[in-house]
N, C-alpha and C. Protein backbone atom coordinates (compact mmCIF):
# COMPACT_ATOMS: atom_id res chain seq x y z
N MET A 1 84.65 100.74 96.62
CA MET A 1 86.13 101.23 96.73
C MET A 1 86.11 102.63 96.83
N ASN A 2 86.82 103.13 97.77
CA ASN A 2 86.99 104.52 98.16
C ASN A 2 87.80 105.24 97.08
N GLU A 3 87.24 106.31 96.42
CA GLU A 3 87.91 106.90 95.35
C GLU A 3 89.13 107.73 95.81
N GLN A 4 89.08 108.27 97.04
CA GLN A 4 90.24 108.84 97.64
C GLN A 4 91.45 107.96 97.84
N ILE A 5 91.19 106.77 98.26
CA ILE A 5 92.19 105.75 98.55
C ILE A 5 92.88 105.36 97.15
N MET A 6 92.07 105.20 96.14
CA MET A 6 92.59 104.92 94.80
C MET A 6 93.49 106.01 94.31
N GLU A 7 93.05 107.29 94.53
CA GLU A 7 93.78 108.45 93.99
C GLU A 7 95.13 108.54 94.78
N ARG A 8 95.07 108.35 96.04
CA ARG A 8 96.34 108.38 96.84
C ARG A 8 97.32 107.25 96.37
N ASN A 9 96.73 106.10 96.05
CA ASN A 9 97.54 104.95 95.61
C ASN A 9 98.18 105.38 94.20
N VAL A 10 97.38 105.76 93.29
CA VAL A 10 97.92 106.17 92.00
C VAL A 10 98.99 107.16 92.09
N ASP A 11 98.78 108.23 93.01
CA ASP A 11 99.82 109.26 93.15
C ASP A 11 101.13 108.61 93.72
N LEU A 12 101.04 107.70 94.58
CA LEU A 12 102.29 107.06 95.14
C LEU A 12 102.93 106.20 94.09
N VAL A 13 102.19 105.39 93.51
CA VAL A 13 102.71 104.52 92.45
C VAL A 13 103.44 105.34 91.33
N THR A 14 102.86 106.49 90.92
CA THR A 14 103.54 107.36 89.97
C THR A 14 104.81 107.95 90.50
N THR A 15 104.81 108.38 91.81
CA THR A 15 105.97 108.94 92.40
C THR A 15 107.11 107.90 92.47
N VAL A 16 106.71 106.64 93.02
CA VAL A 16 107.73 105.62 93.28
C VAL A 16 108.26 105.13 91.86
N THR A 17 107.42 104.95 90.86
CA THR A 17 107.92 104.59 89.55
C THR A 17 108.90 105.66 88.95
N ALA A 18 108.55 106.87 89.05
CA ALA A 18 109.48 107.86 88.61
C ALA A 18 110.81 107.90 89.32
N TYR A 19 110.84 107.64 90.55
CA TYR A 19 111.96 107.53 91.31
C TYR A 19 112.86 106.38 90.93
N ILE A 20 112.26 105.23 90.73
CA ILE A 20 112.96 104.01 90.24
C ILE A 20 113.57 104.20 88.83
N LEU A 21 112.78 104.88 87.94
CA LEU A 21 113.24 105.03 86.63
C LEU A 21 114.39 106.13 86.63
N GLN A 22 114.46 107.01 87.61
CA GLN A 22 115.53 107.95 87.61
C GLN A 22 116.79 107.34 88.26
N HIS A 23 116.73 106.18 88.84
CA HIS A 23 117.84 105.61 89.46
C HIS A 23 118.10 104.18 88.86
N PRO A 24 118.83 104.13 87.68
CA PRO A 24 119.01 102.86 86.95
C PRO A 24 119.60 101.80 87.80
N HIS A 25 120.41 102.12 88.81
CA HIS A 25 120.94 101.10 89.66
C HIS A 25 119.78 100.24 90.37
N MET A 26 118.75 100.88 90.59
CA MET A 26 117.62 100.18 91.25
C MET A 26 117.03 99.24 90.26
N LEU A 27 116.81 99.67 89.01
CA LEU A 27 116.23 98.87 87.87
C LEU A 27 117.03 97.62 87.72
N GLU A 28 118.32 97.74 87.82
CA GLU A 28 119.25 96.58 87.62
C GLU A 28 118.98 95.54 88.72
N GLN A 29 118.58 95.90 89.89
CA GLN A 29 118.33 94.93 90.98
C GLN A 29 117.03 94.33 90.89
N LEU A 30 115.98 94.95 90.15
CA LEU A 30 114.72 94.41 90.14
C LEU A 30 114.57 93.26 89.23
N PRO A 31 113.69 92.25 89.44
CA PRO A 31 113.44 91.21 88.55
C PRO A 31 112.72 91.73 87.33
N PRO A 32 112.64 91.12 86.18
CA PRO A 32 112.09 91.57 84.98
C PRO A 32 110.57 91.77 85.20
N ASP A 33 109.90 90.96 85.92
CA ASP A 33 108.42 90.94 86.04
C ASP A 33 108.11 90.82 87.55
N PHE A 34 107.40 91.78 88.13
CA PHE A 34 107.18 91.71 89.58
C PHE A 34 105.90 92.38 89.93
N ARG A 35 105.44 92.25 91.15
CA ARG A 35 104.37 92.95 91.76
C ARG A 35 104.83 94.01 92.70
N LEU A 36 104.47 95.26 92.54
CA LEU A 36 104.90 96.37 93.41
C LEU A 36 103.79 96.61 94.46
N VAL A 37 104.23 96.59 95.65
CA VAL A 37 103.28 96.83 96.83
C VAL A 37 103.87 98.01 97.55
N ILE A 38 103.14 99.04 97.66
CA ILE A 38 103.52 100.22 98.42
C ILE A 38 102.79 100.21 99.73
N LEU A 39 103.64 100.34 100.85
CA LEU A 39 103.06 100.32 102.21
C LEU A 39 103.54 101.60 102.86
N PRO A 40 102.61 102.64 102.80
CA PRO A 40 103.04 103.94 103.47
C PRO A 40 102.81 103.74 104.95
N GLU A 41 103.90 104.07 105.63
CA GLU A 41 103.97 103.90 107.14
C GLU A 41 103.00 104.93 107.86
N ASP A 42 102.71 105.98 107.24
CA ASP A 42 101.82 107.04 107.84
C ASP A 42 100.53 107.03 107.34
N ASP A 43 100.08 106.05 106.56
CA ASP A 43 98.75 105.89 106.00
C ASP A 43 98.22 104.48 106.16
N PRO A 44 97.86 104.08 107.37
CA PRO A 44 97.45 102.70 107.59
C PRO A 44 96.34 102.20 106.82
N GLU A 45 95.45 103.11 106.41
CA GLU A 45 94.25 102.70 105.55
C GLU A 45 94.74 102.29 104.22
N LEU A 46 95.70 103.02 103.64
CA LEU A 46 96.20 102.74 102.32
C LEU A 46 97.11 101.47 102.30
N SER A 47 97.91 101.39 103.41
CA SER A 47 98.67 100.14 103.57
C SER A 47 97.84 98.87 103.58
N GLN A 48 96.71 98.92 104.33
CA GLN A 48 95.81 97.80 104.50
C GLN A 48 95.11 97.59 103.12
N TYR A 49 94.76 98.62 102.47
CA TYR A 49 94.11 98.46 101.07
C TYR A 49 95.15 97.71 100.18
N ASN A 50 96.32 98.08 100.07
CA ASN A 50 97.33 97.51 99.30
C ASN A 50 97.62 96.04 99.69
N LEU A 51 97.58 95.71 100.93
CA LEU A 51 97.74 94.32 101.44
C LEU A 51 96.58 93.52 100.93
N ASN A 52 95.45 94.08 101.10
CA ASN A 52 94.16 93.34 100.64
C ASN A 52 94.30 93.08 99.19
N LEU A 53 94.70 94.10 98.32
CA LEU A 53 94.85 93.87 97.03
C LEU A 53 95.90 92.81 96.58
N LEU A 54 96.90 92.75 97.37
CA LEU A 54 97.95 91.67 97.19
C LEU A 54 97.32 90.35 97.48
N ALA A 55 96.51 90.27 98.56
CA ALA A 55 95.90 89.01 98.94
C ALA A 55 94.93 88.46 97.95
N GLU A 56 94.21 89.49 97.30
CA GLU A 56 93.11 89.02 96.37
C GLU A 56 93.72 88.72 95.03
N ARG A 57 94.73 89.22 94.67
CA ARG A 57 95.33 89.10 93.26
C ARG A 57 96.61 88.37 93.34
N THR A 58 96.63 87.09 93.68
CA THR A 58 97.82 86.31 93.66
C THR A 58 98.35 86.09 92.29
N GLU A 59 99.53 86.13 92.21
CA GLU A 59 100.29 85.71 90.96
C GLU A 59 101.62 85.08 91.43
N PRO A 60 101.48 83.83 91.60
CA PRO A 60 102.60 83.13 92.28
C PRO A 60 103.96 83.11 91.59
N ASP A 61 103.95 83.35 90.24
CA ASP A 61 105.20 83.40 89.56
C ASP A 61 105.83 84.72 89.57
N LYS A 62 105.28 85.74 90.14
CA LYS A 62 105.81 87.03 90.12
C LYS A 62 106.34 87.44 91.64
N PRO A 63 107.60 87.74 91.67
CA PRO A 63 108.13 88.28 93.03
C PRO A 63 107.46 89.58 93.41
N ILE A 64 107.45 89.72 94.70
CA ILE A 64 106.75 90.95 95.27
C ILE A 64 107.83 91.87 95.70
N ILE A 65 107.74 93.10 95.20
CA ILE A 65 108.64 94.16 95.62
C ILE A 65 107.87 95.07 96.57
N ILE A 66 108.28 95.23 97.82
CA ILE A 66 107.68 96.00 98.77
C ILE A 66 108.43 97.38 98.94
N VAL A 67 107.66 98.40 98.97
CA VAL A 67 108.22 99.79 99.10
C VAL A 67 107.50 100.42 100.35
N ARG A 68 108.43 100.71 101.30
CA ARG A 68 107.94 101.33 102.62
C ARG A 68 108.31 102.90 102.39
N LEU A 69 107.39 103.80 102.81
CA LEU A 69 107.78 105.23 102.68
C LEU A 69 106.82 106.07 103.62
N LEU A 70 107.16 107.23 103.79
CA LEU A 70 106.25 108.11 104.49
C LEU A 70 105.68 109.09 103.48
N THR A 71 104.34 109.20 103.40
CA THR A 71 103.73 109.98 102.39
C THR A 71 103.94 111.53 102.58
N HIS A 72 104.29 111.92 103.76
CA HIS A 72 104.49 113.33 103.97
C HIS A 72 105.98 113.71 103.71
N GLN A 73 106.69 112.77 103.27
CA GLN A 73 108.18 113.03 102.94
C GLN A 73 108.49 112.40 101.60
N LEU A 74 107.85 112.97 100.55
CA LEU A 74 107.99 112.28 99.21
C LEU A 74 109.19 112.95 98.38
N ASN A 75 110.00 113.72 99.03
CA ASN A 75 111.20 114.24 98.43
C ASN A 75 112.18 113.10 98.63
N PHE A 76 112.31 112.17 97.66
CA PHE A 76 113.09 110.95 97.78
C PHE A 76 114.55 111.22 97.66
N GLU A 77 114.94 112.33 97.14
CA GLU A 77 116.31 112.61 97.11
C GLU A 77 116.98 112.84 98.55
N HIS A 78 116.20 113.27 99.47
CA HIS A 78 116.60 113.45 100.80
C HIS A 78 116.13 112.31 101.70
N ASN A 79 115.07 111.67 101.31
CA ASN A 79 114.54 110.61 102.18
C ASN A 79 113.98 109.46 101.18
N PRO A 80 114.89 108.77 100.69
CA PRO A 80 114.52 107.68 99.58
C PRO A 80 113.55 106.66 100.36
N PRO A 81 112.77 106.05 99.44
CA PRO A 81 111.89 104.99 99.97
C PRO A 81 112.72 103.72 100.23
N ARG A 82 112.20 102.90 101.21
CA ARG A 82 112.98 101.67 101.36
C ARG A 82 112.30 100.62 100.48
N VAL A 83 113.18 100.02 99.56
CA VAL A 83 112.58 99.02 98.57
C VAL A 83 113.18 97.75 99.07
N TYR A 84 112.27 96.80 99.22
CA TYR A 84 112.65 95.34 99.57
C TYR A 84 112.48 94.52 98.41
N ILE A 85 113.62 93.99 98.02
CA ILE A 85 113.76 93.12 96.80
C ILE A 85 113.89 91.71 97.28
N PRO A 86 113.26 90.75 96.72
CA PRO A 86 113.48 89.39 97.06
C PRO A 86 114.89 88.89 96.68
N LEU A 87 115.42 88.02 97.46
CA LEU A 87 116.76 87.54 97.27
C LEU A 87 116.87 86.61 96.02
N ALA A 88 115.79 85.84 95.90
CA ALA A 88 115.76 84.95 94.67
C ALA A 88 114.44 85.22 93.94
N ALA A 89 114.54 85.47 92.62
CA ALA A 89 113.32 85.78 91.86
C ALA A 89 113.07 84.62 90.95
């Protein structure tokens, strides 16, 4: 496993988690237990890595929350990530 990919992933998860915690209205929309999948549009290597992780670690009882973002625009106050929440959890 490439250490740089893991570091980029940890950085994005930390940033997205902080954003969600700072916006309680988002927390209200999320199911109590879910899988978070971050798909950076400008980092195809990391997107593919995260899709592979999702395929390898299936947890059928957990809904999947997908976050699409641009890694070079992490100022979420001006350009928030797109969070896709399942309609039924």
